[in-house]
Amino acid sequence: MSKINFYIAIILGAMIFNACKPAAPEAPAVAKHDIKPSLQALPTEMINKMLAEVDYIDYIWHDLPFSLSQEEKEGINTNISFISNEAVPELSPDCKAIGRKFYNVKGETIATADVYFSPGCYYYVFLDGEKPIYASKITAQGINFYTQIIENQARK
């Protein structure tokens, strides 16, 4: 075998070997449905509008055996203050909403939010219809409020 044929055989062998070799593993792709893109926090202007105008808050719980509503202005404003101005960095599919919250003005719903309340998932996702548009963390006072409400109901 001549030197040229030898080198051609080596080159062809290397090309065939590399063509058959599996591609280098890539970083695992995160499925688009696993991690939802982060949303901005509810704008301060909307929170201020809610503080000024909301006259009734109502909750519909998915699995909790009680209802909750507020119609006293002081309690409503305290409840609105549970909305942090801090956005939720990541909406995980492991987090499940425990209920839906409705902010009403004179009988008209001006804002709707899903309430997420479980370890690592303490936030509101505000909706336009069923589409998430904002996600705000729940403040420490809000976490205490929901904990007390749920614990009190569990004792009954």
N, C-alpha and C. Protein backbone atom coordinates (compact mmCIF):
# COMPACT_ATOMS: atom_id res chain seq x y z
N MET A 1 0.86 -1.17 0.00
CA MET A 1 0.00 0.00 0.00
C MET A 1 0.90 1.23 0.00
N SER A 2 0.67 2.14 -0.91
CA SER A 2 1.49 3.34 -0.97
C SER A 2 1.13 4.28 0.16
N LYS A 3 2.04 5.20 0.40
CA LYS A 3 1.81 6.17 1.49
C LYS A 3 0.55 6.99 1.21
N ILE A 4 0.31 7.36 -0.03
CA ILE A 4 -0.86 8.19 -0.36
C ILE A 4 -2.14 7.39 -0.08
N ASN A 5 -2.19 6.15 -0.53
CA ASN A 5 -3.37 5.33 -0.26
C ASN A 5 -3.57 5.12 1.24
N PHE A 6 -2.46 4.96 1.98
CA PHE A 6 -2.53 4.80 3.42
C PHE A 6 -3.17 6.02 4.08
N TYR A 7 -2.72 7.24 3.66
CA TYR A 7 -3.26 8.47 4.24
C TYR A 7 -4.73 8.68 3.82
N ILE A 8 -5.05 8.31 2.59
CA ILE A 8 -6.45 8.44 2.15
C ILE A 8 -7.33 7.49 2.98
N ALA A 9 -6.83 6.27 3.22
CA ALA A 9 -7.58 5.32 4.03
C ALA A 9 -7.79 5.84 5.45
N ILE A 10 -6.76 6.45 6.03
CA ILE A 10 -6.88 7.02 7.39
C ILE A 10 -7.89 8.17 7.40
N ILE A 11 -7.80 9.05 6.42
CA ILE A 11 -8.71 10.20 6.36
C ILE A 11 -10.15 9.72 6.17
N LEU A 12 -10.36 8.77 5.23
CA LEU A 12 -11.71 8.25 5.03
C LEU A 12 -12.23 7.55 6.27
N GLY A 13 -11.38 6.80 6.92
CA GLY A 13 -11.78 6.12 8.15
C GLY A 13 -12.18 7.11 9.23
N ALA A 14 -11.40 8.18 9.36
CA ALA A 14 -11.72 9.21 10.36
C ALA A 14 -13.04 9.89 10.03
N MET A 15 -13.27 10.14 8.73
CA MET A 15 -14.52 10.79 8.33
C MET A 15 -15.71 9.88 8.63
N ILE A 16 -15.57 8.60 8.32
CA ILE A 16 -16.66 7.66 8.59
C ILE A 16 -16.89 7.53 10.09
N PHE A 17 -15.79 7.43 10.87
CA PHE A 17 -15.90 7.33 12.32
C PHE A 17 -16.63 8.54 12.90
N ASN A 18 -16.23 9.75 12.47
CA ASN A 18 -16.86 10.96 12.99
C ASN A 18 -18.31 11.09 12.54
N ALA A 19 -18.64 10.60 11.34
CA ALA A 19 -20.02 10.68 10.86
C ALA A 19 -20.92 9.75 11.67
N CYS A 20 -20.37 8.62 12.13
CA CYS A 20 -21.17 7.66 12.88
C CYS A 20 -21.20 7.95 14.37
N LYS A 21 -20.29 8.77 14.82
CA LYS A 21 -20.20 9.08 16.24
C LYS A 21 -21.39 9.95 16.66
N PRO A 22 -22.02 9.64 17.77
CA PRO A 22 -23.14 10.49 18.20
C PRO A 22 -22.66 11.90 18.50
N ALA A 23 -23.53 12.83 18.24
CA ALA A 23 -23.20 14.23 18.50
C ALA A 23 -22.93 14.43 19.98
N ALA A 24 -22.13 15.42 20.27
CA ALA A 24 -21.83 15.74 21.67
C ALA A 24 -23.13 16.09 22.37
N PRO A 25 -23.31 15.60 23.58
CA PRO A 25 -24.57 15.89 24.27
C PRO A 25 -24.71 17.38 24.52
N GLU A 26 -25.91 17.85 24.29
CA GLU A 26 -26.21 19.25 24.54
C GLU A 26 -26.85 19.36 25.92
N ALA A 27 -26.86 20.57 26.44
CA ALA A 27 -27.54 20.79 27.71
C ALA A 27 -29.00 20.43 27.52
N PRO A 28 -29.58 19.75 28.49
CA PRO A 28 -30.98 19.35 28.32
C PRO A 28 -31.85 20.58 28.13
N ALA A 29 -32.69 20.50 27.14
CA ALA A 29 -33.60 21.61 26.87
C ALA A 29 -34.73 21.57 27.89
N VAL A 30 -35.10 22.73 28.37
CA VAL A 30 -36.23 22.83 29.29
C VAL A 30 -37.47 22.98 28.44
N ALA A 31 -38.39 22.10 28.65
CA ALA A 31 -39.63 22.17 27.88
C ALA A 31 -40.31 23.49 28.16
N LYS A 32 -40.86 24.08 27.12
CA LYS A 32 -41.47 25.40 27.27
C LYS A 32 -42.61 25.40 28.27
N HIS A 33 -43.29 24.28 28.43
CA HIS A 33 -44.41 24.24 29.37
C HIS A 33 -43.96 24.03 30.81
N ASP A 34 -42.68 23.66 31.01
CA ASP A 34 -42.20 23.42 32.37
C ASP A 34 -41.97 24.73 33.13
N ILE A 35 -41.33 25.67 32.50
CA ILE A 35 -41.02 26.94 33.15
C ILE A 35 -41.69 28.03 32.31
N LYS A 36 -42.56 28.76 32.94
CA LYS A 36 -43.23 29.84 32.22
C LYS A 36 -42.38 31.09 32.35
N PRO A 37 -42.39 31.91 31.32
CA PRO A 37 -41.58 33.13 31.41
C PRO A 37 -42.07 34.01 32.55
N SER A 38 -41.14 34.72 33.13
CA SER A 38 -41.53 35.58 34.24
C SER A 38 -42.38 36.74 33.72
N LEU A 39 -43.21 37.24 34.60
CA LEU A 39 -44.07 38.37 34.28
C LEU A 39 -43.68 39.53 35.19
N GLN A 40 -44.02 40.71 34.79
CA GLN A 40 -43.78 41.87 35.63
C GLN A 40 -44.76 41.86 36.79
N ALA A 41 -44.38 42.55 37.85
CA ALA A 41 -45.27 42.72 39.00
C ALA A 41 -46.43 43.63 38.59
N LEU A 42 -47.53 43.51 39.33
CA LEU A 42 -48.67 44.39 39.10
C LEU A 42 -48.19 45.84 39.23
N PRO A 43 -48.48 46.68 38.25
CA PRO A 43 -48.00 48.08 38.31
C PRO A 43 -48.52 48.82 39.54
N THR A 44 -47.68 49.68 40.06
CA THR A 44 -48.03 50.51 41.23
C THR A 44 -49.29 51.32 40.97
N GLU A 45 -49.46 51.79 39.75
CA GLU A 45 -50.65 52.59 39.41
C GLU A 45 -51.93 51.77 39.63
N MET A 46 -51.86 50.49 39.27
CA MET A 46 -53.04 49.63 39.45
C MET A 46 -53.29 49.37 40.94
N ILE A 47 -52.22 49.16 41.69
CA ILE A 47 -52.39 48.95 43.14
C ILE A 47 -53.01 50.19 43.76
N ASN A 48 -52.54 51.36 43.38
CA ASN A 48 -53.10 52.62 43.91
C ASN A 48 -54.57 52.78 43.53
N LYS A 49 -54.92 52.41 42.30
CA LYS A 49 -56.32 52.46 41.87
C LYS A 49 -57.16 51.51 42.72
N MET A 50 -56.63 50.33 42.96
CA MET A 50 -57.35 49.35 43.78
C MET A 50 -57.54 49.88 45.20
N LEU A 51 -56.48 50.45 45.77
CA LEU A 51 -56.59 51.00 47.13
C LEU A 51 -57.66 52.08 47.21
N ALA A 52 -57.76 52.89 46.17
CA ALA A 52 -58.72 53.99 46.16
C ALA A 52 -60.15 53.53 45.87
N GLU A 53 -60.32 52.49 45.05
CA GLU A 53 -61.65 52.21 44.52
C GLU A 53 -62.28 50.88 44.93
N VAL A 54 -61.50 49.86 45.20
CA VAL A 54 -62.08 48.53 45.45
C VAL A 54 -62.96 48.59 46.70
N ASP A 55 -64.18 48.08 46.55
CA ASP A 55 -65.11 48.09 47.68
C ASP A 55 -65.56 46.68 48.07
N TYR A 56 -65.02 45.66 47.39
CA TYR A 56 -65.41 44.29 47.73
C TYR A 56 -64.36 43.34 47.15
N ILE A 57 -63.91 42.40 47.96
CA ILE A 57 -63.00 41.35 47.52
C ILE A 57 -63.68 40.02 47.79
N ASP A 58 -63.62 39.15 46.81
CA ASP A 58 -64.24 37.83 46.93
C ASP A 58 -63.24 36.77 46.50
N TYR A 59 -63.28 35.63 47.16
CA TYR A 59 -62.41 34.50 46.83
C TYR A 59 -63.27 33.31 46.45
N ILE A 60 -62.80 32.55 45.49
CA ILE A 60 -63.34 31.23 45.20
C ILE A 60 -62.18 30.27 45.38
N TRP A 61 -62.30 29.39 46.38
CA TRP A 61 -61.24 28.42 46.66
C TRP A 61 -61.48 27.16 45.85
N HIS A 62 -60.41 26.57 45.36
CA HIS A 62 -60.55 25.36 44.55
C HIS A 62 -60.87 24.14 45.41
N ASP A 63 -60.19 23.97 46.54
CA ASP A 63 -60.38 22.76 47.34
C ASP A 63 -60.63 23.04 48.82
N LEU A 64 -60.73 24.28 49.21
CA LEU A 64 -60.93 24.60 50.62
C LEU A 64 -62.43 24.71 50.89
N PRO A 65 -62.89 24.17 52.01
CA PRO A 65 -64.33 24.07 52.27
C PRO A 65 -64.93 25.32 52.93
N PHE A 66 -64.52 26.49 52.50
CA PHE A 66 -65.10 27.71 53.06
C PHE A 66 -65.02 28.80 52.02
N SER A 67 -65.74 29.88 52.27
CA SER A 67 -65.68 31.04 51.38
C SER A 67 -65.12 32.22 52.15
N LEU A 68 -64.68 33.21 51.42
CA LEU A 68 -64.11 34.40 52.06
C LEU A 68 -64.41 35.60 51.18
N SER A 69 -64.88 36.64 51.82
CA SER A 69 -65.08 37.91 51.13
C SER A 69 -64.84 39.03 52.12
N GLN A 70 -64.53 40.20 51.58
CA GLN A 70 -64.31 41.38 52.42
C GLN A 70 -65.04 42.56 51.80
N GLU A 71 -65.68 43.33 52.67
CA GLU A 71 -66.36 44.52 52.18
C GLU A 71 -66.10 45.74 53.05
N GLU A 72 -65.29 45.59 54.09
CA GLU A 72 -64.91 46.75 54.91
C GLU A 72 -63.64 47.35 54.32
N LYS A 73 -63.66 48.66 54.10
CA LYS A 73 -62.58 49.33 53.39
C LYS A 73 -61.21 49.10 54.04
N GLU A 74 -61.15 49.14 55.36
CA GLU A 74 -59.86 48.95 56.03
C GLU A 74 -59.30 47.54 55.76
N GLY A 75 -60.16 46.53 55.86
CA GLY A 75 -59.75 45.16 55.57
C GLY A 75 -59.38 44.96 54.11
N ILE A 76 -60.13 45.61 53.23
CA ILE A 76 -59.85 45.52 51.79
C ILE A 76 -58.47 46.10 51.51
N ASN A 77 -58.19 47.29 52.04
CA ASN A 77 -56.90 47.92 51.78
C ASN A 77 -55.75 47.13 52.40
N THR A 78 -56.00 46.54 53.57
CA THR A 78 -54.98 45.67 54.15
C THR A 78 -54.73 44.49 53.22
N ASN A 79 -55.79 43.92 52.71
CA ASN A 79 -55.68 42.78 51.80
C ASN A 79 -54.93 43.17 50.52
N ILE A 80 -55.23 44.32 49.97
CA ILE A 80 -54.53 44.79 48.76
C ILE A 80 -53.05 44.99 49.06
N SER A 81 -52.74 45.40 50.28
CA SER A 81 -51.33 45.62 50.64
C SER A 81 -50.53 44.31 50.67
N PHE A 82 -51.19 43.17 50.56
CA PHE A 82 -50.49 41.88 50.49
C PHE A 82 -49.83 41.67 49.13
N ILE A 83 -50.15 42.53 48.16
CA ILE A 83 -49.54 42.44 46.83
C ILE A 83 -48.19 43.13 46.87
N SER A 84 -47.14 42.35 46.72
CA SER A 84 -45.79 42.92 46.72
C SER A 84 -45.52 43.62 45.40
N ASN A 85 -44.62 44.61 45.44
CA ASN A 85 -44.20 45.23 44.19
C ASN A 85 -43.06 44.44 43.54
N GLU A 86 -42.77 43.27 44.13
CA GLU A 86 -41.71 42.41 43.61
C GLU A 86 -42.32 41.34 42.70
N ALA A 87 -41.78 41.25 41.49
CA ALA A 87 -42.26 40.26 40.52
C ALA A 87 -41.82 38.86 40.93
N VAL A 88 -42.52 37.87 40.42
CA VAL A 88 -42.18 36.47 40.63
C VAL A 88 -41.17 36.10 39.55
N PRO A 89 -39.96 35.67 39.94
CA PRO A 89 -38.93 35.42 38.93
C PRO A 89 -39.23 34.23 38.01
N GLU A 90 -40.00 33.27 38.48
CA GLU A 90 -40.26 32.07 37.69
C GLU A 90 -41.59 31.47 38.11
N LEU A 91 -42.43 31.17 37.14
CA LEU A 91 -43.70 30.52 37.41
C LEU A 91 -43.51 29.03 37.13
N SER A 92 -43.43 28.26 38.18
CA SER A 92 -43.16 26.83 38.05
C SER A 92 -44.45 26.04 37.88
N PRO A 93 -44.43 24.99 37.05
CA PRO A 93 -45.62 24.15 36.92
C PRO A 93 -45.90 23.35 38.18
N ASP A 94 -44.94 23.29 39.10
CA ASP A 94 -45.15 22.59 40.36
C ASP A 94 -46.04 23.38 41.31
N CYS A 95 -46.20 24.66 41.05
CA CYS A 95 -47.04 25.51 41.89
C CYS A 95 -48.47 25.47 41.35
N LYS A 96 -49.41 25.25 42.24
CA LYS A 96 -50.82 25.18 41.87
C LYS A 96 -51.61 26.25 42.63
N ALA A 97 -52.50 26.90 41.92
CA ALA A 97 -53.35 27.92 42.55
C ALA A 97 -54.31 27.24 43.52
N ILE A 98 -54.50 27.89 44.68
CA ILE A 98 -55.47 27.36 45.65
C ILE A 98 -56.82 28.03 45.49
N GLY A 99 -56.86 29.13 44.75
CA GLY A 99 -58.12 29.82 44.56
C GLY A 99 -57.97 31.00 43.64
N ARG A 100 -59.08 31.69 43.44
CA ARG A 100 -59.10 32.87 42.60
C ARG A 100 -59.68 34.02 43.41
N LYS A 101 -59.08 35.19 43.24
CA LYS A 101 -59.45 36.38 44.00
C LYS A 101 -59.99 37.43 43.03
N PHE A 102 -61.11 38.06 43.41
CA PHE A 102 -61.76 39.05 42.58
C PHE A 102 -61.80 40.39 43.31
N TYR A 103 -61.33 41.42 42.66
CA TYR A 103 -61.34 42.78 43.21
C TYR A 103 -62.45 43.53 42.48
N ASN A 104 -63.44 43.99 43.26
CA ASN A 104 -64.63 44.59 42.66
C ASN A 104 -64.79 46.05 43.06
N VAL A 105 -65.36 46.82 42.11
CA VAL A 105 -65.74 48.21 42.34
C VAL A 105 -67.18 48.35 41.89
N LYS A 106 -68.05 48.66 42.83
CA LYS A 106 -69.47 48.86 42.54
C LYS A 106 -70.05 47.71 41.71
N GLY A 107 -69.71 46.48 42.12
CA GLY A 107 -70.27 45.30 41.47
C GLY A 107 -69.54 44.84 40.22
N GLU A 108 -68.55 45.58 39.78
CA GLU A 108 -67.79 45.21 38.58
C GLU A 108 -66.39 44.74 38.97
N THR A 109 -65.98 43.61 38.44
CA THR A 109 -64.65 43.09 38.72
C THR A 109 -63.63 43.88 37.90
N ILE A 110 -62.68 44.52 38.60
CA ILE A 110 -61.65 45.29 37.90
C ILE A 110 -60.31 44.54 37.83
N ALA A 111 -60.17 43.50 38.63
CA ALA A 111 -58.95 42.69 38.60
C ALA A 111 -59.27 41.30 39.13
N THR A 112 -58.59 40.32 38.55
CA THR A 112 -58.74 38.93 38.96
C THR A 112 -57.34 38.35 39.12
N ALA A 113 -57.16 37.56 40.18
CA ALA A 113 -55.84 36.95 40.40
C ALA A 113 -56.00 35.53 40.90
N ASP A 114 -55.16 34.65 40.40
CA ASP A 114 -55.05 33.32 40.98
C ASP A 114 -54.13 33.43 42.19
N VAL A 115 -54.50 32.76 43.27
CA VAL A 115 -53.72 32.79 44.51
C VAL A 115 -52.91 31.50 44.60
N TYR A 116 -51.60 31.66 44.66
CA TYR A 116 -50.68 30.52 44.82
C TYR A 116 -50.17 30.57 46.25
N PHE A 117 -50.41 29.49 46.98
CA PHE A 117 -50.05 29.49 48.40
C PHE A 117 -49.64 28.09 48.84
N SER A 118 -48.37 27.81 48.64
CA SER A 118 -47.77 26.56 49.10
C SER A 118 -46.26 26.82 49.22
N PRO A 119 -45.54 25.98 49.95
CA PRO A 119 -44.11 26.24 50.15
C PRO A 119 -43.39 26.52 48.82
N GLY A 120 -42.74 27.67 48.77
CA GLY A 120 -42.03 28.10 47.57
C GLY A 120 -42.90 28.75 46.52
N CYS A 121 -44.19 28.82 46.77
CA CYS A 121 -45.14 29.36 45.80
C CYS A 121 -46.10 30.32 46.50
N TYR A 122 -45.63 31.48 46.82
CA TYR A 122 -46.47 32.46 47.51
C TYR A 122 -46.60 33.69 46.62
N TYR A 123 -47.59 33.65 45.72
CA TYR A 123 -47.74 34.78 44.82
C TYR A 123 -49.13 34.82 44.20
N TYR A 124 -49.41 35.97 43.57
CA TYR A 124 -50.64 36.17 42.81
C TYR A 124 -50.27 36.23 41.33
N VAL A 125 -51.08 35.62 40.50
CA VAL A 125 -50.96 35.79 39.06
C VAL A 125 -52.22 36.50 38.61
N PHE A 126 -52.05 37.73 38.13
CA PHE A 126 -53.18 38.53 37.67
C PHE A 126 -53.50 38.16 36.23
N LEU A 127 -54.79 38.14 35.94
CA LEU A 127 -55.26 37.60 34.67
C LEU A 127 -56.02 38.62 33.85
N ASP A 128 -55.92 38.46 32.54
CA ASP A 128 -56.77 39.15 31.59
C ASP A 128 -57.56 38.03 30.92
N GLY A 129 -58.78 37.82 31.35
CA GLY A 129 -59.51 36.61 30.96
C GLY A 129 -58.84 35.44 31.67
N GLU A 130 -58.26 34.54 30.91
CA GLU A 130 -57.51 33.43 31.50
C GLU A 130 -56.00 33.57 31.24
N LYS A 131 -55.62 34.67 30.63
CA LYS A 131 -54.22 34.88 30.26
C LYS A 131 -53.46 35.59 31.38
N PRO A 132 -52.37 34.99 31.88
CA PRO A 132 -51.56 35.67 32.91
C PRO A 132 -50.91 36.93 32.35
N ILE A 133 -51.04 38.03 33.08
CA ILE A 133 -50.44 39.28 32.61
C ILE A 133 -49.46 39.88 33.61
N TYR A 134 -49.63 39.59 34.89
CA TYR A 134 -48.72 40.07 35.94
C TYR A 134 -48.57 38.98 36.99
N ALA A 135 -47.44 38.98 37.67
CA ALA A 135 -47.23 38.05 38.78
C ALA A 135 -46.49 38.77 39.88
N SER A 136 -47.13 38.91 41.03
CA SER A 136 -46.55 39.60 42.18
C SER A 136 -46.45 38.65 43.36
N LYS A 137 -45.34 38.75 44.06
CA LYS A 137 -45.19 37.95 45.27
C LYS A 137 -46.20 38.41 46.31
N ILE A 138 -46.51 37.52 47.24
CA ILE A 138 -47.34 37.87 48.38
C ILE A 138 -46.39 38.32 49.49
N THR A 139 -46.73 39.42 50.15
CA THR A 139 -45.88 39.93 51.23
C THR A 139 -45.90 38.99 52.43
N ALA A 140 -44.97 39.20 53.35
CA ALA A 140 -44.93 38.39 54.58
C ALA A 140 -46.24 38.52 55.35
N GLN A 141 -46.82 39.72 55.39
CA GLN A 141 -48.10 39.91 56.08
C GLN A 141 -49.20 39.10 55.39
N GLY A 142 -49.15 39.03 54.07
CA GLY A 142 -50.13 38.25 53.33
C GLY A 142 -49.98 36.76 53.60
N ILE A 143 -48.75 36.30 53.66
CA ILE A 143 -48.50 34.89 53.98
C ILE A 143 -49.06 34.56 55.35
N ASN A 144 -48.84 35.45 56.32
CA ASN A 144 -49.40 35.25 57.66
C ASN A 144 -50.92 35.24 57.63
N PHE A 145 -51.53 36.13 56.87
CA PHE A 145 -52.98 36.20 56.74
C PHE A 145 -53.54 34.88 56.22
N TYR A 146 -53.01 34.41 55.09
CA TYR A 146 -53.53 33.16 54.51
C TYR A 146 -53.26 31.97 55.42
N THR A 147 -52.12 31.95 56.07
CA THR A 147 -51.81 30.86 57.00
C THR A 147 -52.85 30.82 58.11
N GLN A 148 -53.15 31.97 58.70
CA GLN A 148 -54.14 32.03 59.78
C GLN A 148 -55.53 31.62 59.30
N ILE A 149 -55.93 32.12 58.14
CA ILE A 149 -57.25 31.79 57.61
C ILE A 149 -57.37 30.29 57.39
N ILE A 150 -56.36 29.70 56.76
CA ILE A 150 -56.41 28.27 56.44
C ILE A 150 -56.34 27.44 57.73
N GLU A 151 -55.46 27.83 58.66
CA GLU A 151 -55.36 27.08 59.92
C GLU A 151 -56.64 27.19 60.72
N ASN A 152 -57.24 28.38 60.79
CA ASN A 152 -58.49 28.55 61.52
C ASN A 152 -59.59 27.68 60.94
N GLN A 153 -59.66 27.61 59.63
CA GLN A 153 -60.69 26.79 58.99
C GLN A 153 -60.41 25.31 59.21
N ALA A 154 -59.14 24.93 59.22
CA ALA A 154 -58.78 23.52 59.44
C ALA A 154 -59.18 23.06 60.83
N ARG A 155 -59.14 23.97 61.81
CA ARG A 155 -59.52 23.62 63.18
C ARG A 155 -61.02 23.39 63.33
N LYS A 156 -61.81 23.97 62.45
CA LYS A 156 -63.28 23.88 62.55
C LYS A 156 -63.79 22.56 62.07
